[in-house]
C-alpha cells in the first residue's frame, strides 16, 4: 500500500476494566441480545446462551459492540473490529494497571509504526 492509502486508517486501542456488580442482570441482558439476533444459527444460539449463564466475560462479549463506539463519529467508518473479554484479578493500586503510563503491549515506551487496518470488517467474541 502506498502512504496515501495507509494514512486513511487509524488503529484505536482501548482497554477497559469493568466491575460486574449484578451478574444476573448482566446475564439477562446478554440472553436478550442473543434471543434478538435473527442471524445467529440455532446451534450457536444454544451454545451462546449456555456460555453467558456461566461466565460474566462471555456475557460482556455479547453486549459490547465496537461499532456503537464510533457510529456517531462524523467522517469515519469501522473497517475492522475485534475484542475479547476475560475475568481477571484486578488491583487498582498495582503498577501494571497504571492507565497513565504510555507503554505498548511489550511494556516499552513508544508508538506503533502507523500500521493500517487490514482484512474484512468483522467482530470477535470470546
Protein backbone atom coordinates (compact mmCIF):
# COMPACT_ATOMS: atom_id res chain seq x y z
CA UNK A 1 0.00 0.00 0.00
CA UNK A 2 1.16 3.50 -0.66
CA UNK A 3 1.40 6.11 2.10
CA UNK A 4 -1.77 7.80 0.84
CA UNK A 5 -3.72 4.52 1.18
CA UNK A 6 -2.47 3.58 4.64
CA UNK A 7 -2.83 7.06 6.10
CA UNK A 8 -6.62 6.73 5.88
CA UNK A 9 -6.60 4.14 8.65
CA UNK A 10 -6.20 4.74 12.37
CA UNK A 11 -5.97 2.00 14.98
CA UNK A 12 -7.65 2.90 18.27
CA UNK A 13 -6.80 0.65 21.19
CA UNK A 14 -8.97 0.80 24.27
CA UNK A 15 -8.63 -1.24 27.44
CA UNK A 16 -11.47 -1.25 29.91
CA UNK A 17 -11.76 -2.89 33.30
CA UNK A 18 -15.39 -3.26 34.29
CA UNK A 19 -16.72 -4.27 37.68
CA UNK A 20 -19.68 -6.64 37.47
CA UNK A 21 -21.91 -5.79 40.42
CA UNK A 22 -25.07 -7.55 39.17
CA UNK A 23 -24.17 -10.76 37.29
CA UNK A 24 -27.80 -11.84 36.96
CA UNK A 25 -28.78 -8.58 35.28
CA UNK A 26 -25.74 -8.77 33.00
CA UNK A 27 -26.56 -12.33 32.02
CA UNK A 28 -30.21 -11.46 31.38
CA UNK A 29 -29.22 -8.59 29.08
CA UNK A 30 -26.87 -10.86 27.14
CA UNK A 31 -29.59 -13.51 26.84
CA UNK A 32 -31.96 -10.85 25.47
CA UNK A 33 -29.35 -9.78 22.90
CA UNK A 34 -28.78 -13.38 21.84
CA UNK A 35 -32.52 -14.01 21.51
CA UNK A 36 -32.93 -10.88 19.37
CA UNK A 37 -30.11 -11.82 16.97
CA UNK A 38 -32.03 -13.21 13.99
CA UNK A 39 -28.84 -14.02 12.08
CA UNK A 40 -27.50 -16.41 14.75
CA UNK A 41 -27.91 -20.12 13.89
CA UNK A 42 -29.86 -22.19 16.44
CA UNK A 43 -26.89 -24.38 17.45
CA UNK A 44 -24.73 -21.29 18.04
CA UNK A 45 -27.59 -19.64 19.97
CA UNK A 46 -27.84 -22.63 22.35
CA UNK A 47 -24.08 -22.54 22.97
CA UNK A 48 -24.14 -18.76 23.47
CA UNK A 49 -26.97 -18.97 26.00
CA UNK A 50 -25.12 -21.59 27.99
CA UNK A 51 -21.90 -19.57 27.90
CA UNK A 52 -23.39 -16.29 29.13
CA UNK A 53 -25.18 -18.02 32.00
CA UNK A 54 -21.85 -19.40 33.25
CA UNK A 55 -19.39 -16.58 32.56
CA UNK A 56 -19.70 -12.80 33.02
CA UNK A 57 -16.90 -12.25 30.49
CA UNK A 58 -18.91 -14.13 27.87
CA UNK A 59 -21.98 -12.06 28.68
CA UNK A 60 -19.99 -8.86 28.21
CA UNK A 61 -18.60 -10.11 24.90
CA UNK A 62 -22.16 -10.37 23.58
CA UNK A 63 -23.10 -6.90 24.82
CA UNK A 64 -20.04 -4.78 23.99
CA UNK A 65 -20.23 -3.64 20.38
CA UNK A 66 -17.28 -1.65 18.98
CA UNK A 67 -19.45 -0.26 16.19
CA UNK A 68 -21.55 1.53 18.82
CA UNK A 69 -18.44 3.43 19.95
CA UNK A 70 -17.87 5.01 16.54
CA UNK A 71 -21.21 5.00 14.71
CA UNK A 72 -21.88 8.66 15.60
CA UNK A 73 -18.34 9.88 14.84
CA UNK A 74 -18.50 12.01 11.68
CA UNK A 75 -16.28 11.14 8.75
CA UNK A 76 -15.27 7.62 9.81
CA UNK A 77 -16.40 4.09 9.08
CA UNK A 78 -15.49 0.98 11.02
CA UNK A 79 -13.14 -1.11 8.86
CA UNK A 80 -12.41 -3.93 11.30
CA UNK A 81 -13.03 -4.71 14.95
CA UNK A 82 -12.08 -7.45 17.34
CA UNK A 83 -12.36 -7.70 21.07
CA UNK A 84 -12.09 -10.14 23.91
CA UNK A 85 -13.20 -10.22 27.49
CA UNK A 86 -11.92 -12.24 30.39
CA UNK A 87 -12.37 -12.44 34.12
CA UNK A 88 -9.24 -11.02 35.78
CA UNK A 89 -7.71 -10.38 39.17
CA UNK A 90 -7.71 -6.60 39.46
CA UNK A 91 -5.77 -4.46 41.88
CA UNK A 92 -6.18 -0.76 41.04
CA UNK A 93 -3.05 0.04 43.05
CA UNK A 94 -0.81 -2.39 41.15
CA UNK A 95 1.76 -0.89 38.79
CA UNK A 96 0.59 -2.93 35.79
CA UNK A 97 -2.86 -1.29 35.97
CA UNK A 98 -1.50 2.26 35.75
CA UNK A 99 -3.57 3.85 32.99
CA UNK A 100 -1.47 7.00 32.92
CA UNK A 101 1.57 5.19 31.51
CA UNK A 102 2.30 5.36 27.75
CA UNK A 103 3.51 1.84 27.08
CA UNK A 104 2.84 -0.53 24.23
CA UNK A 105 1.89 -4.19 24.77
CA UNK A 106 5.53 -5.16 25.41
CA UNK A 107 5.87 -2.56 28.16
CA UNK A 108 8.22 -0.43 26.09
CA UNK A 109 7.67 3.31 25.89
CA UNK A 110 6.89 4.38 22.34
CA UNK A 111 4.47 4.46 19.48
CA UNK A 112 3.40 1.94 16.87
CA UNK A 113 4.77 2.22 13.38
CA UNK A 114 1.50 3.50 11.93
CA UNK A 115 0.31 0.13 10.68
CA UNK A 116 -3.01 0.28 8.86
CA UNK A 117 -6.05 -1.87 9.45
CA UNK A 118 -6.28 -4.75 7.01
CA UNK A 119 -8.78 -7.52 6.42
CA UNK A 120 -12.52 -7.81 6.40
CA UNK A 121 -14.98 -5.94 8.54
CA UNK A 122 -15.67 -8.32 11.37
CA UNK A 123 -16.22 -8.71 15.06
CA UNK A 124 -14.66 -11.11 17.52
CA UNK A 125 -16.22 -12.73 20.51
CA UNK A 126 -14.53 -14.61 23.31
